[in-house]
Full PDB file with SEQRES, HELIX, SHEET, SSBOND, CRYST1, ORIGX, SCALE, CONECT and MASTER records, all heavy atoms in Angstrom:
SEQRES   1 A   31  THR GLN ASP ILE LEU ILE GLU ASN GLY ALA ILE SER LYS          
SEQRES   2 A   31  ILE ALA ASN SER ILE LYS ASN THR LYS LYS TYR LYS GLU          
SEQRES   3 A   31  ILE LYS LEU GLU ASN                                          
SHEET    1 AA1 2 ASP A   3  GLU A   7  0                                        
SHEET    2 AA1 2 ALA A  10  ALA A  15 -1                                        
CRYST1    1.000    1.000    1.000  90.00  90.00  90.00 P 1           1          
ORIGX1      1.000000  0.000000  0.000000        0.00000                         
ORIGX2      0.000000  1.000000  0.000000        0.00000                         
ORIGX3      0.000000  0.000000  1.000000        0.00000                         
SCALE1      1.000000  0.000000  0.000000        0.00000                         
SCALE2      0.000000  1.000000  0.000000        0.00000                         
SCALE3      0.000000  0.000000  1.000000        0.00000                         
ATOM      1  N   THR A   1      -9.016 -40.872  59.160  1.00  0.00           N  
ATOM      2  CA  THR A   1      -8.293 -39.664  58.795  1.00  0.00           C  
ATOM      3  C   THR A   1      -7.911 -39.600  57.216  1.00  0.00           C  
ATOM      4  O   THR A   1      -7.254 -40.467  56.788  1.00  0.00           O  
ATOM      5  CB  THR A   1      -7.084 -39.357  59.568  1.00  0.00           C  
ATOM      6  OG1 THR A   1      -7.512 -39.329  60.932  1.00  0.00           O  
ATOM      7  CG2 THR A   1      -6.467 -37.992  59.390  1.00  0.00           C  
ATOM      8  N   GLN A   2      -8.488 -38.627  56.501  1.00  0.00           N  
ATOM      9  CA  GLN A   2      -8.504 -38.729  55.087  1.00  0.00           C  
ATOM     10  C   GLN A   2      -8.280 -37.280  54.424  1.00  0.00           C  
ATOM     11  O   GLN A   2      -8.355 -36.222  55.257  1.00  0.00           O  
ATOM     12  CB  GLN A   2      -9.892 -39.203  54.509  1.00  0.00           C  
ATOM     13  CG  GLN A   2     -10.395 -40.359  54.974  1.00  0.00           C  
ATOM     14  CD  GLN A   2      -9.624 -41.650  54.423  1.00  0.00           C  
ATOM     15  OE1 GLN A   2      -8.935 -41.534  53.410  1.00  0.00           O  
ATOM     16  NE2 GLN A   2      -9.744 -42.761  55.126  1.00  0.00           N  
ATOM     17  N   ASP A   3      -7.749 -37.185  53.289  1.00  0.00           N  
ATOM     18  CA  ASP A   3      -7.763 -36.008  52.380  1.00  0.00           C  
ATOM     19  C   ASP A   3      -9.200 -36.064  51.785  1.00  0.00           C  
ATOM     20  O   ASP A   3      -9.660 -36.912  51.262  1.00  0.00           O  
ATOM     21  CB  ASP A   3      -6.576 -35.907  51.531  1.00  0.00           C  
ATOM     22  CG  ASP A   3      -5.271 -35.712  52.215  1.00  0.00           C  
ATOM     23  OD1 ASP A   3      -5.262 -35.505  53.367  1.00  0.00           O  
ATOM     24  OD2 ASP A   3      -4.300 -35.699  51.453  1.00  0.00           O  
ATOM     25  N   ILE A   4      -9.764 -34.718  51.526  1.00  0.00           N  
ATOM     26  CA  ILE A   4     -11.000 -34.623  50.917  1.00  0.00           C  
ATOM     27  C   ILE A   4     -10.827 -33.553  49.792  1.00  0.00           C  
ATOM     28  O   ILE A   4     -10.569 -32.379  50.262  1.00  0.00           O  
ATOM     29  CB  ILE A   4     -12.197 -34.160  51.938  1.00  0.00           C  
ATOM     30  CG1 ILE A   4     -12.317 -35.386  52.967  1.00  0.00           C  
ATOM     31  CG2 ILE A   4     -13.488 -34.055  51.171  1.00  0.00           C  
ATOM     32  CD1 ILE A   4     -11.575 -34.967  54.292  1.00  0.00           C  
ATOM     33  N   LEU A   5     -11.098 -34.011  48.671  1.00  0.00           N  
ATOM     34  CA  LEU A   5     -11.065 -32.981  47.509  1.00  0.00           C  
ATOM     35  C   LEU A   5     -12.557 -32.545  47.091  1.00  0.00           C  
ATOM     36  O   LEU A   5     -13.336 -33.365  46.903  1.00  0.00           O  
ATOM     37  CB  LEU A   5     -10.433 -33.762  46.209  1.00  0.00           C  
ATOM     38  CG  LEU A   5     -10.188 -32.847  44.970  1.00  0.00           C  
ATOM     39  CD1 LEU A   5      -9.370 -31.640  45.226  1.00  0.00           C  
ATOM     40  CD2 LEU A   5      -9.666 -33.727  43.861  1.00  0.00           C  
ATOM     41  N   ILE A   6     -12.708 -31.327  47.063  1.00  0.00           N  
ATOM     42  CA  ILE A   6     -13.952 -30.759  46.688  1.00  0.00           C  
ATOM     43  C   ILE A   6     -13.770 -29.945  45.452  1.00  0.00           C  
ATOM     44  O   ILE A   6     -12.960 -28.935  45.498  1.00  0.00           O  
ATOM     45  CB  ILE A   6     -14.469 -29.882  47.844  1.00  0.00           C  
ATOM     46  CG1 ILE A   6     -14.689 -30.728  49.219  1.00  0.00           C  
ATOM     47  CG2 ILE A   6     -15.845 -29.166  47.584  1.00  0.00           C  
ATOM     48  CD1 ILE A   6     -14.894 -29.738  50.424  1.00  0.00           C  
ATOM     49  N   GLU A   7     -14.533 -30.179  44.526  1.00  0.00           N  
ATOM     50  CA  GLU A   7     -14.578 -29.625  43.099  1.00  0.00           C  
ATOM     51  C   GLU A   7     -15.955 -29.075  42.736  1.00  0.00           C  
ATOM     52  O   GLU A   7     -16.810 -29.875  42.934  1.00  0.00           O  
ATOM     53  CB  GLU A   7     -13.983 -30.489  42.110  1.00  0.00           C  
ATOM     54  CG  GLU A   7     -12.532 -30.740  42.424  1.00  0.00           C  
ATOM     55  CD  GLU A   7     -11.909 -31.726  41.317  1.00  0.00           C  
ATOM     56  OE1 GLU A   7     -12.349 -32.898  41.178  1.00  0.00           O  
ATOM     57  OE2 GLU A   7     -11.066 -31.207  40.554  1.00  0.00           O  
ATOM     58  N   ASN A   8     -16.081 -27.768  42.479  1.00  0.00           N  
ATOM     59  CA  ASN A   8     -17.408 -27.176  42.162  1.00  0.00           C  
ATOM     60  C   ASN A   8     -18.388 -27.459  43.162  1.00  0.00           C  
ATOM     61  O   ASN A   8     -19.646 -27.745  42.936  1.00  0.00           O  
ATOM     62  CB  ASN A   8     -17.887 -27.728  40.762  1.00  0.00           C  
ATOM     63  CG  ASN A   8     -16.876 -27.417  39.629  1.00  0.00           C  
ATOM     64  OD1 ASN A   8     -16.403 -26.343  39.468  1.00  0.00           O  
ATOM     65  ND2 ASN A   8     -16.655 -28.406  38.745  1.00  0.00           N  
ATOM     66  N   GLY A   9     -17.901 -27.396  44.421  1.00  0.00           N  
ATOM     67  CA  GLY A   9     -18.941 -27.501  45.612  1.00  0.00           C  
ATOM     68  C   GLY A   9     -19.251 -29.028  45.950  1.00  0.00           C  
ATOM     69  O   GLY A   9     -20.044 -29.061  47.044  1.00  0.00           O  
ATOM     70  N   ALA A  10     -18.685 -30.003  45.277  1.00  0.00           N  
ATOM     71  CA  ALA A  10     -19.093 -31.405  45.583  1.00  0.00           C  
ATOM     72  C   ALA A  10     -17.865 -32.176  45.890  1.00  0.00           C  
ATOM     73  O   ALA A  10     -16.749 -31.834  45.401  1.00  0.00           O  
ATOM     74  CB  ALA A  10     -19.831 -32.090  44.393  1.00  0.00           C  
ATOM     75  N   ILE A  11     -17.988 -33.300  46.785  1.00  0.00           N  
ATOM     76  CA  ILE A  11     -16.847 -34.035  46.979  1.00  0.00           C  
ATOM     77  C   ILE A  11     -16.530 -35.039  45.956  1.00  0.00           C  
ATOM     78  O   ILE A  11     -17.311 -35.768  45.652  1.00  0.00           O  
ATOM     79  CB  ILE A  11     -17.149 -34.897  48.353  1.00  0.00           C  
ATOM     80  CG1 ILE A  11     -17.481 -33.906  49.487  1.00  0.00           C  
ATOM     81  CG2 ILE A  11     -16.054 -35.796  48.686  1.00  0.00           C  
ATOM     82  CD1 ILE A  11     -18.036 -34.530  50.716  1.00  0.00           C  
ATOM     83  N   SER A  12     -15.320 -34.741  45.411  1.00  0.00           N  
ATOM     84  CA  SER A  12     -14.962 -35.709  44.170  1.00  0.00           C  
ATOM     85  C   SER A  12     -14.068 -36.789  44.508  1.00  0.00           C  
ATOM     86  O   SER A  12     -13.953 -37.728  43.777  1.00  0.00           O  
ATOM     87  CB  SER A  12     -14.344 -34.763  43.063  1.00  0.00           C  
ATOM     88  OG  SER A  12     -13.120 -34.145  43.625  1.00  0.00           O  
ATOM     89  N   LYS A  13     -13.386 -36.734  45.663  1.00  0.00           N  
ATOM     90  CA  LYS A  13     -12.477 -37.714  45.992  1.00  0.00           C  
ATOM     91  C   LYS A  13     -12.278 -37.696  47.520  1.00  0.00           C  
ATOM     92  O   LYS A  13     -12.047 -36.583  48.237  1.00  0.00           O  
ATOM     93  CB  LYS A  13     -11.116 -37.633  45.232  1.00  0.00           C  
ATOM     94  CG  LYS A  13     -10.154 -38.745  45.450  1.00  0.00           C  
ATOM     95  CD  LYS A  13      -8.887 -38.590  44.502  1.00  0.00           C  
ATOM     96  CE  LYS A  13      -8.084 -39.890  44.649  1.00  0.00           C  
ATOM     97  NZ  LYS A  13      -6.800 -39.613  43.820  1.00  0.00           N  
ATOM     98  N   ILE A  14     -12.058 -38.903  48.070  1.00  0.00           N  
ATOM     99  CA  ILE A  14     -11.621 -39.010  49.580  1.00  0.00           C  
ATOM    100  C   ILE A  14     -10.719 -40.196  49.630  1.00  0.00           C  
ATOM    101  O   ILE A  14     -10.914 -41.295  49.067  1.00  0.00           O  
ATOM    102  CB  ILE A  14     -13.031 -39.415  50.469  1.00  0.00           C  
ATOM    103  CG1 ILE A  14     -13.959 -38.243  50.476  1.00  0.00           C  
ATOM    104  CG2 ILE A  14     -12.354 -39.555  51.881  1.00  0.00           C  
ATOM    105  CD1 ILE A  14     -15.122 -38.556  51.229  1.00  0.00           C  
ATOM    106  N   ALA A  15      -9.415 -39.842  50.094  1.00  0.00           N  
ATOM    107  CA  ALA A  15      -8.338 -40.879  50.106  1.00  0.00           C  
ATOM    108  C   ALA A  15      -7.387 -40.546  51.179  1.00  0.00           C  
ATOM    109  O   ALA A  15      -7.388 -39.476  51.720  1.00  0.00           O  
ATOM    110  CB  ALA A  15      -7.622 -40.911  48.757  1.00  0.00           C  
ATOM    111  N   ASN A  16      -6.490 -41.469  51.567  1.00  0.00           N  
ATOM    112  CA  ASN A  16      -5.460 -41.263  52.561  1.00  0.00           C  
ATOM    113  C   ASN A  16      -4.588 -40.162  52.229  1.00  0.00           C  
ATOM    114  O   ASN A  16      -4.204 -39.365  53.091  1.00  0.00           O  
ATOM    115  CB  ASN A  16      -4.554 -42.625  52.741  1.00  0.00           C  
ATOM    116  CG  ASN A  16      -5.424 -43.664  53.331  1.00  0.00           C  
ATOM    117  OD1 ASN A  16      -6.434 -43.400  54.162  1.00  0.00           O  
ATOM    118  ND2 ASN A  16      -5.063 -44.960  53.048  1.00  0.00           N  
ATOM    119  N   SER A  17      -4.280 -40.047  50.941  1.00  0.00           N  
ATOM    120  CA  SER A  17      -3.370 -38.826  50.578  1.00  0.00           C  
ATOM    121  C   SER A  17      -3.842 -38.476  49.121  1.00  0.00           C  
ATOM    122  O   SER A  17      -3.917 -39.402  48.214  1.00  0.00           O  
ATOM    123  CB  SER A  17      -1.987 -39.263  50.614  1.00  0.00           C  
ATOM    124  OG  SER A  17      -1.033 -38.187  50.150  1.00  0.00           O  
ATOM    125  N   ILE A  18      -4.022 -37.253  48.923  1.00  0.00           N  
ATOM    126  CA  ILE A  18      -4.375 -36.703  47.576  1.00  0.00           C  
ATOM    127  C   ILE A  18      -3.399 -35.619  47.191  1.00  0.00           C  
ATOM    128  O   ILE A  18      -3.230 -34.660  47.942  1.00  0.00           O  
ATOM    129  CB  ILE A  18      -5.844 -36.172  47.515  1.00  0.00           C  
ATOM    130  CG1 ILE A  18      -6.846 -37.212  47.857  1.00  0.00           C  
ATOM    131  CG2 ILE A  18      -6.125 -35.603  46.198  1.00  0.00           C  
ATOM    132  CD1 ILE A  18      -8.282 -36.699  48.080  1.00  0.00           C  
ATOM    133  N   LYS A  19      -2.687 -35.784  46.015  1.00  0.00           N  
ATOM    134  CA  LYS A  19      -1.824 -34.623  45.532  1.00  0.00           C  
ATOM    135  C   LYS A  19      -2.607 -33.466  44.916  1.00  0.00           C  
ATOM    136  O   LYS A  19      -3.657 -33.632  44.141  1.00  0.00           O  
ATOM    137  CB  LYS A  19      -0.999 -35.245  44.486  1.00  0.00           C  
ATOM    138  CG  LYS A  19       0.155 -36.253  45.122  1.00  0.00           C  
ATOM    139  CD  LYS A  19       1.044 -36.708  44.046  1.00  0.00           C  
ATOM    140  CE  LYS A  19       2.096 -37.657  44.713  1.00  0.00           C  
ATOM    141  NZ  LYS A  19       3.077 -38.220  43.777  1.00  0.00           N  
ATOM    142  N   ASN A  20      -2.238 -32.274  45.191  1.00  0.00           N  
ATOM    143  CA  ASN A  20      -2.826 -31.133  44.834  1.00  0.00           C  
ATOM    144  C   ASN A  20      -2.386 -30.634  43.399  1.00  0.00           C  
ATOM    145  O   ASN A  20      -1.721 -29.550  43.235  1.00  0.00           O  
ATOM    146  CB  ASN A  20      -2.608 -29.969  45.773  1.00  0.00           C  
ATOM    147  CG  ASN A  20      -3.563 -28.826  45.498  1.00  0.00           C  
ATOM    148  OD1 ASN A  20      -4.437 -28.758  44.684  1.00  0.00           O  
ATOM    149  ND2 ASN A  20      -3.435 -27.780  46.453  1.00  0.00           N  
ATOM    150  N   THR A  21      -2.738 -31.398  42.416  1.00  0.00           N  
ATOM    151  CA  THR A  21      -2.062 -31.324  41.196  1.00  0.00           C  
ATOM    152  C   THR A  21      -2.645 -30.185  40.426  1.00  0.00           C  
ATOM    153  O   THR A  21      -1.985 -29.413  39.551  1.00  0.00           O  
ATOM    154  CB  THR A  21      -2.349 -32.466  40.148  1.00  0.00           C  
ATOM    155  OG1 THR A  21      -3.751 -32.737  40.203  1.00  0.00           O  
ATOM    156  CG2 THR A  21      -1.585 -33.754  40.750  1.00  0.00           C  
ATOM    157  N   LYS A  22      -3.850 -29.660  40.846  1.00  0.00           N  
ATOM    158  CA  LYS A  22      -4.443 -28.422  40.173  1.00  0.00           C  
ATOM    159  C   LYS A  22      -4.336 -27.225  41.071  1.00  0.00           C  
ATOM    160  O   LYS A  22      -4.878 -26.187  40.577  1.00  0.00           O  
ATOM    161  CB  LYS A  22      -6.013 -28.793  40.016  1.00  0.00           C  
ATOM    162  CG  LYS A  22      -6.237 -30.012  38.991  1.00  0.00           C  
ATOM    163  CD  LYS A  22      -7.719 -30.217  38.776  1.00  0.00           C  
ATOM    164  CE  LYS A  22      -7.945 -31.236  37.870  1.00  0.00           C  
ATOM    165  NZ  LYS A  22      -9.468 -31.600  37.658  1.00  0.00           N  
ATOM    166  N   LYS A  23      -3.584 -27.368  42.046  1.00  0.00           N  
ATOM    167  CA  LYS A  23      -3.160 -26.029  42.831  1.00  0.00           C  
ATOM    168  C   LYS A  23      -4.268 -25.449  43.495  1.00  0.00           C  
ATOM    169  O   LYS A  23      -4.480 -24.265  43.470  1.00  0.00           O  
ATOM    170  CB  LYS A  23      -2.257 -25.244  42.081  1.00  0.00           C  
ATOM    171  CG  LYS A  23      -0.966 -25.800  41.298  1.00  0.00           C  
ATOM    172  CD  LYS A  23       0.230 -25.026  41.528  1.00  0.00           C  
ATOM    173  CE  LYS A  23       1.403 -25.484  41.028  1.00  0.00           C  
ATOM    174  NZ  LYS A  23       1.772 -26.885  41.535  1.00  0.00           N  
ATOM    175  N   TYR A  24      -5.312 -26.220  44.018  1.00  0.00           N  
ATOM    176  CA  TYR A  24      -6.502 -25.643  44.644  1.00  0.00           C  
ATOM    177  C   TYR A  24      -5.921 -25.056  46.012  1.00  0.00           C  
ATOM    178  O   TYR A  24      -4.936 -25.490  46.511  1.00  0.00           O  
ATOM    179  CB  TYR A  24      -7.506 -26.700  44.848  1.00  0.00           C  
ATOM    180  CG  TYR A  24      -8.176 -27.186  43.568  1.00  0.00           C  
ATOM    181  CD1 TYR A  24      -8.634 -28.549  43.509  1.00  0.00           C  
ATOM    182  CD2 TYR A  24      -8.331 -26.387  42.477  1.00  0.00           C  
ATOM    183  CE1 TYR A  24      -9.313 -28.973  42.456  1.00  0.00           C  
ATOM    184  CE2 TYR A  24      -9.046 -26.944  41.370  1.00  0.00           C  
ATOM    185  CZ  TYR A  24      -9.473 -28.173  41.350  1.00  0.00           C  
ATOM    186  OH  TYR A  24     -10.059 -28.727  40.233  1.00  0.00           O  
ATOM    187  N   LYS A  25      -6.882 -24.306  46.468  1.00  0.00           N  
ATOM    188  CA  LYS A  25      -6.743 -23.797  47.982  1.00  0.00           C  
ATOM    189  C   LYS A  25      -6.677 -25.162  48.766  1.00  0.00           C  
ATOM    190  O   LYS A  25      -7.366 -25.938  48.681  1.00  0.00           O  
ATOM    191  CB  LYS A  25      -7.793 -22.914  48.381  1.00  0.00           C  
ATOM    192  CG  LYS A  25      -7.859 -22.525  49.862  1.00  0.00           C  
ATOM    193  CD  LYS A  25      -8.984 -21.665  50.206  1.00  0.00           C  
ATOM    194  CE  LYS A  25      -9.158 -21.452  51.623  1.00  0.00           C  
ATOM    195  NZ  LYS A  25      -8.150 -20.408  52.081  1.00  0.00           N  
ATOM    196  N   GLU A  26      -5.815 -25.083  49.870  1.00  0.00           N  
ATOM    197  CA  GLU A  26      -5.612 -26.201  50.750  1.00  0.00           C  
ATOM    198  C   GLU A  26      -6.005 -25.801  52.092  1.00  0.00           C  
ATOM    199  O   GLU A  26      -5.696 -24.677  52.554  1.00  0.00           O  
ATOM    200  CB  GLU A  26      -4.209 -26.669  50.856  1.00  0.00           C  
ATOM    201  CG  GLU A  26      -3.798 -27.615  49.639  1.00  0.00           C  
ATOM    202  CD  GLU A  26      -2.440 -28.391  49.966  1.00  0.00           C  
ATOM    203  OE1 GLU A  26      -2.028 -28.418  51.142  1.00  0.00           O  
ATOM    204  OE2 GLU A  26      -1.872 -28.932  48.958  1.00  0.00           O  
ATOM    205  N   ILE A  27      -6.684 -26.561  52.867  1.00  0.00           N  
ATOM    206  CA  ILE A  27      -6.934 -26.357  54.339  1.00  0.00           C  
ATOM    207  C   ILE A  27      -6.310 -27.362  55.013  1.00  0.00           C  
ATOM    208  O   ILE A  27      -6.565 -28.614  54.933  1.00  0.00           O  
ATOM    209  CB  ILE A  27      -8.546 -26.382  54.462  1.00  0.00           C  
ATOM    210  CG1 ILE A  27      -9.222 -25.425  53.725  1.00  0.00           C  
ATOM    211  CG2 ILE A  27      -8.881 -26.217  56.071  1.00  0.00           C  
ATOM    212  CD1 ILE A  27     -10.710 -25.293  53.844  1.00  0.00           C  
ATOM    213  N   LYS A  28      -5.337 -27.002  55.823  1.00  0.00           N  
ATOM    214  CA  LYS A  28      -4.528 -27.859  56.657  1.00  0.00           C  
ATOM    215  C   LYS A  28      -4.402 -27.209  57.995  1.00  0.00           C  
ATOM    216  O   LYS A  28      -3.802 -26.167  58.194  1.00  0.00           O  
ATOM    217  CB  LYS A  28      -3.199 -28.137  56.100  1.00  0.00           C  
ATOM    218  CG  LYS A  28      -2.350 -29.233  56.696  1.00  0.00           C  
ATOM    219  CD  LYS A  28      -1.130 -29.586  55.875  1.00  0.00           C  
ATOM    220  CE  LYS A  28      -0.430 -30.801  56.562  1.00  0.00           C  
ATOM    221  NZ  LYS A  28       0.764 -31.243  55.781  1.00  0.00           N  
ATOM    222  N   LEU A  29      -5.134 -27.830  59.107  1.00  0.00           N  
ATOM    223  CA  LEU A  29      -5.065 -27.265  60.322  1.00  0.00           C  
ATOM    224  C   LEU A  29      -4.855 -28.269  61.438  1.00  0.00           C  
ATOM    225  O   LEU A  29      -5.048 -29.415  61.303  1.00  0.00           O  
ATOM    226  CB  LEU A  29      -6.625 -26.672  60.401  1.00  0.00           C  
ATOM    227  CG  LEU A  29      -7.028 -25.581  59.583  1.00  0.00           C  
ATOM    228  CD1 LEU A  29      -8.581 -25.307  59.591  1.00  0.00           C  
ATOM    229  CD2 LEU A  29      -6.409 -24.194  59.884  1.00  0.00           C  
ATOM    230  N   GLU A  30      -4.512 -27.684  62.578  1.00  0.00           N  
ATOM    231  CA  GLU A  30      -4.107 -28.537  63.715  1.00  0.00           C  
ATOM    232  C   GLU A  30      -5.215 -29.353  64.177  1.00  0.00           C  
ATOM    233  O   GLU A  30      -6.375 -28.856  64.455  1.00  0.00           O  
ATOM    234  CB  GLU A  30      -3.576 -27.649  64.861  1.00  0.00           C  
ATOM    235  CG  GLU A  30      -3.169 -28.436  66.017  1.00  0.00           C  
ATOM    236  CD  GLU A  30      -2.637 -27.524  67.242  1.00  0.00           C  
ATOM    237  OE1 GLU A  30      -2.665 -26.389  67.104  1.00  0.00           O  
ATOM    238  OE2 GLU A  30      -2.361 -28.069  68.350  1.00  0.00           O  
ATOM    239  N   ASN A  31      -5.073 -30.694  64.336  1.00  0.00           N  
ATOM    240  CA  ASN A  31      -6.071 -31.586  64.819  1.00  0.00           C  
ATOM    241  C   ASN A  31      -7.425 -31.500  64.210  1.00  0.00           C  
ATOM    242  O   ASN A  31      -8.527 -31.438  64.838  1.00  0.00           O  
ATOM    243  CB  ASN A  31      -6.199 -31.392  66.329  1.00  0.00           C  
ATOM    244  CG  ASN A  31      -6.858 -32.613  67.135  1.00  0.00           C  
ATOM    245  OD1 ASN A  31      -6.794 -33.652  66.589  1.00  0.00           O  
ATOM    246  ND2 ASN A  31      -7.573 -32.430  68.139  1.00  0.00           N  
TER     247      ASN A  31                                                      
MASTER        0    0    0    0    2    0    0    6  246    1    0    3          
END                                                                             
């Protein structure tokens, strides 16, 4: 279970927890 950061249509980072420093749209959904 990871956070996935997508920038310009490509996956730029995958980690246990990623801070949304650039205030991108977030997708957080049940299960």
